[in-house]
Protein backbone atom coordinates (compact mmCIF):
# COMPACT_ATOMS: atom_id res chain seq x y z
CA UNK A 1 5.92 -21.15 -0.47
CA UNK A 2 4.09 -22.52 -3.53
CA UNK A 3 3.80 -19.05 -5.04
CA UNK A 4 7.52 -18.48 -4.46
CA UNK A 5 8.36 -21.74 -6.24
CA UNK A 6 6.13 -20.80 -9.16
CA UNK A 7 7.85 -17.42 -9.45
CA UNK A 8 11.22 -19.13 -9.18
CA UNK A 9 10.32 -21.59 -11.94
CA UNK A 10 9.22 -18.79 -14.24
CA UNK A 11 12.27 -16.73 -13.42
CA UNK A 12 14.67 -19.56 -14.11
CA UNK A 13 13.13 -20.12 -17.50
CA UNK A 14 13.21 -16.52 -18.66
CA UNK A 15 15.98 -15.74 -21.10
CA UNK A 16 16.02 -12.14 -19.84
CA UNK A 17 17.57 -13.37 -16.62
CA UNK A 18 20.47 -15.04 -18.37
CA UNK A 19 21.19 -11.62 -19.86
CA UNK A 20 21.77 -10.21 -16.39
CA UNK A 21 24.06 -13.02 -15.34
CA UNK A 22 26.11 -12.95 -18.56
CA UNK A 23 26.60 -9.18 -18.70
CA UNK A 24 29.02 -7.71 -16.23
CA UNK A 25 28.60 -4.06 -15.40
CA UNK A 26 31.41 -1.54 -15.38
CA UNK A 27 30.88 0.04 -11.95
CA UNK A 28 34.48 0.42 -10.77
CA UNK A 29 33.46 1.66 -7.30
CA UNK A 30 31.23 -1.34 -6.68
CA UNK A 31 33.95 -3.68 -7.98
CA UNK A 32 36.50 -2.07 -5.66
CA UNK A 33 34.19 -2.37 -2.63
CA UNK A 34 33.63 -6.05 -3.31
CA UNK A 35 37.38 -6.67 -3.66
CA UNK A 36 37.99 -4.92 -0.31
CA UNK A 37 35.25 -6.94 1.38
CA UNK A 38 36.79 -10.14 0.03
CA UNK A 39 40.27 -9.19 1.23
CA UNK A 40 39.01 -9.06 4.82
CA UNK A 41 37.82 -12.68 4.52
CA UNK A 42 40.95 -13.80 2.66
CA UNK A 43 42.97 -12.67 5.69
CA UNK A 44 40.84 -15.11 7.72
CA UNK A 45 41.74 -18.07 5.49
CA UNK A 46 38.96 -17.90 2.87
CA UNK A 47 39.60 -18.09 -0.88
CA UNK A 48 37.44 -16.59 -3.61
CA UNK A 49 35.44 -19.24 -5.51
CA UNK A 50 33.12 -16.95 -7.51
CA UNK A 51 33.28 -13.23 -8.19
CA UNK A 52 31.10 -11.20 -10.51
CA UNK A 53 29.52 -7.86 -11.06
CA UNK A 54 26.33 -7.98 -13.05
CA UNK A 55 23.68 -5.78 -14.56
CA UNK A 56 20.46 -6.65 -12.73
CA UNK A 57 17.17 -5.72 -14.41
CA UNK A 58 14.57 -4.14 -12.14
CA UNK A 59 12.04 -6.55 -10.62
CA UNK A 60 13.86 -9.58 -12.08
CA UNK A 61 15.05 -12.64 -10.24
CA UNK A 62 18.70 -13.24 -11.10
CA UNK A 63 19.61 -16.91 -10.59
CA UNK A 64 23.21 -17.91 -9.93
CA UNK A 65 24.35 -21.54 -9.71
CA UNK A 66 26.72 -22.15 -6.80
CA UNK A 67 28.75 -25.32 -6.25
CA UNK A 68 29.59 -26.19 -2.64
CA UNK A 69 31.20 -29.06 -0.74
CA UNK A 70 29.59 -30.74 2.26
CA UNK A 71 30.86 -29.49 5.61
CA UNK A 72 32.81 -26.56 4.12
CA UNK A 73 32.13 -23.04 5.34
CA UNK A 74 31.32 -20.40 2.74
CA UNK A 75 31.01 -16.64 2.89
CA UNK A 76 28.40 -15.20 0.53
CA UNK A 77 28.74 -11.46 -0.16
CA UNK A 78 26.16 -9.51 -2.13
CA UNK A 79 26.76 -5.85 -2.87
CA UNK A 80 23.75 -3.88 -4.07
CA UNK A 81 23.78 -0.56 -5.84
CA UNK A 82 24.40 2.20 -3.23
CA UNK A 83 21.10 3.84 -4.26
CA UNK A 84 19.02 0.68 -3.76
CA UNK A 85 15.47 0.80 -2.43
CA UNK A 86 15.44 -2.89 -1.58
CA UNK A 87 17.22 -6.11 -2.38
CA UNK A 88 16.98 -9.77 -1.50
CA UNK A 89 19.17 -12.85 -1.50
CA UNK A 90 17.82 -16.40 -1.22
CA UNK A 91 19.89 -19.60 -1.22
CA UNK A 92 17.93 -22.68 -2.29
CA UNK A 93 19.01 -26.31 -2.01
CA UNK A 94 18.31 -29.30 -4.28
CA UNK A 95 15.01 -29.93 -2.49
CA UNK A 96 13.86 -26.33 -3.11
CA UNK A 97 14.27 -25.49 0.58
CA UNK A 98 15.28 -21.92 1.42
CA UNK A 99 18.51 -22.15 3.41
CA UNK A 100 19.17 -18.41 3.55
CA UNK A 101 16.59 -15.68 3.02
CA UNK A 102 17.57 -12.05 3.40
CA UNK A 103 15.46 -9.01 2.49
CA UNK A 104 16.80 -5.50 3.03
CA UNK A 105 15.10 -2.12 2.64
CA UNK A 106 17.12 1.07 2.36
CA UNK A 107 14.99 2.84 4.97
CA UNK A 108 16.19 0.25 7.53
CA UNK A 109 19.94 0.48 6.83
CA UNK A 110 22.64 2.63 5.30
CA UNK A 111 24.71 -0.42 4.30
CA UNK A 112 24.28 -1.62 0.74
CA UNK A 113 25.74 -5.08 1.20
CA UNK A 114 25.03 -8.30 3.01
CA UNK A 115 27.53 -10.91 4.06
CA UNK A 116 26.42 -14.34 5.26
CA UNK A 117 28.36 -17.37 6.51
CA UNK A 118 27.04 -20.77 5.53
CA UNK A 119 28.10 -24.40 6.03
CA UNK A 120 27.04 -26.59 3.10
CA UNK A 121 24.90 -29.59 4.16
CA UNK A 122 25.75 -31.56 0.98
CA UNK A 123 28.17 -31.51 -1.95
CA UNK A 124 26.55 -30.21 -5.11
CA UNK A 125 24.76 -27.30 -6.70
CA UNK A 126 22.64 -24.67 -5.00
CA UNK A 127 20.64 -21.77 -6.45
CA UNK A 128 21.30 -18.24 -5.25
CA UNK A 129 18.47 -15.91 -6.30
CA UNK A 130 19.19 -12.16 -6.20
CA UNK A 131 16.95 -9.15 -6.75
CA UNK A 132 17.33 -5.42 -6.30
CA UNK A 133 15.33 -2.30 -7.00
CA UNK A 134 16.85 1.12 -7.56
CA UNK A 135 14.41 4.02 -7.85
CA UNK A 136 14.23 5.43 -11.37
CA UNK A 137 16.49 2.77 -12.91
CA UNK A 138 15.47 -0.06 -15.26
CA UNK A 139 18.58 -1.96 -14.22
CA UNK A 140 21.46 -1.47 -11.80
CA UNK A 141 24.81 -3.01 -11.08
CA UNK A 142 25.22 -5.56 -8.30
CA UNK A 143 28.16 -7.62 -7.12
CA UNK A 144 28.49 -11.13 -5.76
CA UNK A 145 31.37 -13.09 -4.31
CA UNK A 146 31.46 -16.51 -2.75
CA UNK A 147 34.46 -17.50 -0.68
CA UNK A 148 35.36 -20.93 0.70
CA UNK A 149 37.11 -21.51 3.99
CA UNK A 150 40.48 -23.18 3.70
CA UNK A 151 39.95 -24.93 7.02
């Protein structure tokens, strides 16, 4: 846990990571898949709070700030590059506790996305840390959406 926090601290302070978050990629197929995934949840009463496609450098931790309200249900969707080797998604609270931790390897699944429901324990900011590796690529496109339940 201490080594993870050290890596997280370093990652959050690297200007290279802000590059990934600020630079959307132009993968129309990935964008379309994320929109379709969101539409399924919108039919269930969710509304899109955050939506982005981003260029994710290889072996970099990409931090995203997420605002949530206590007691509300959220749907977090991460769409990796279809040619991914592995990816991870970690949601961290204000006390640096890992609330969600997902690691996926391509040899274990054909799906290149993860979708996770989550009820926020407090109102405020959370950190969502994303990574992905695509063989032979220095960076690859990824997509993220966060939806909030209207109920």
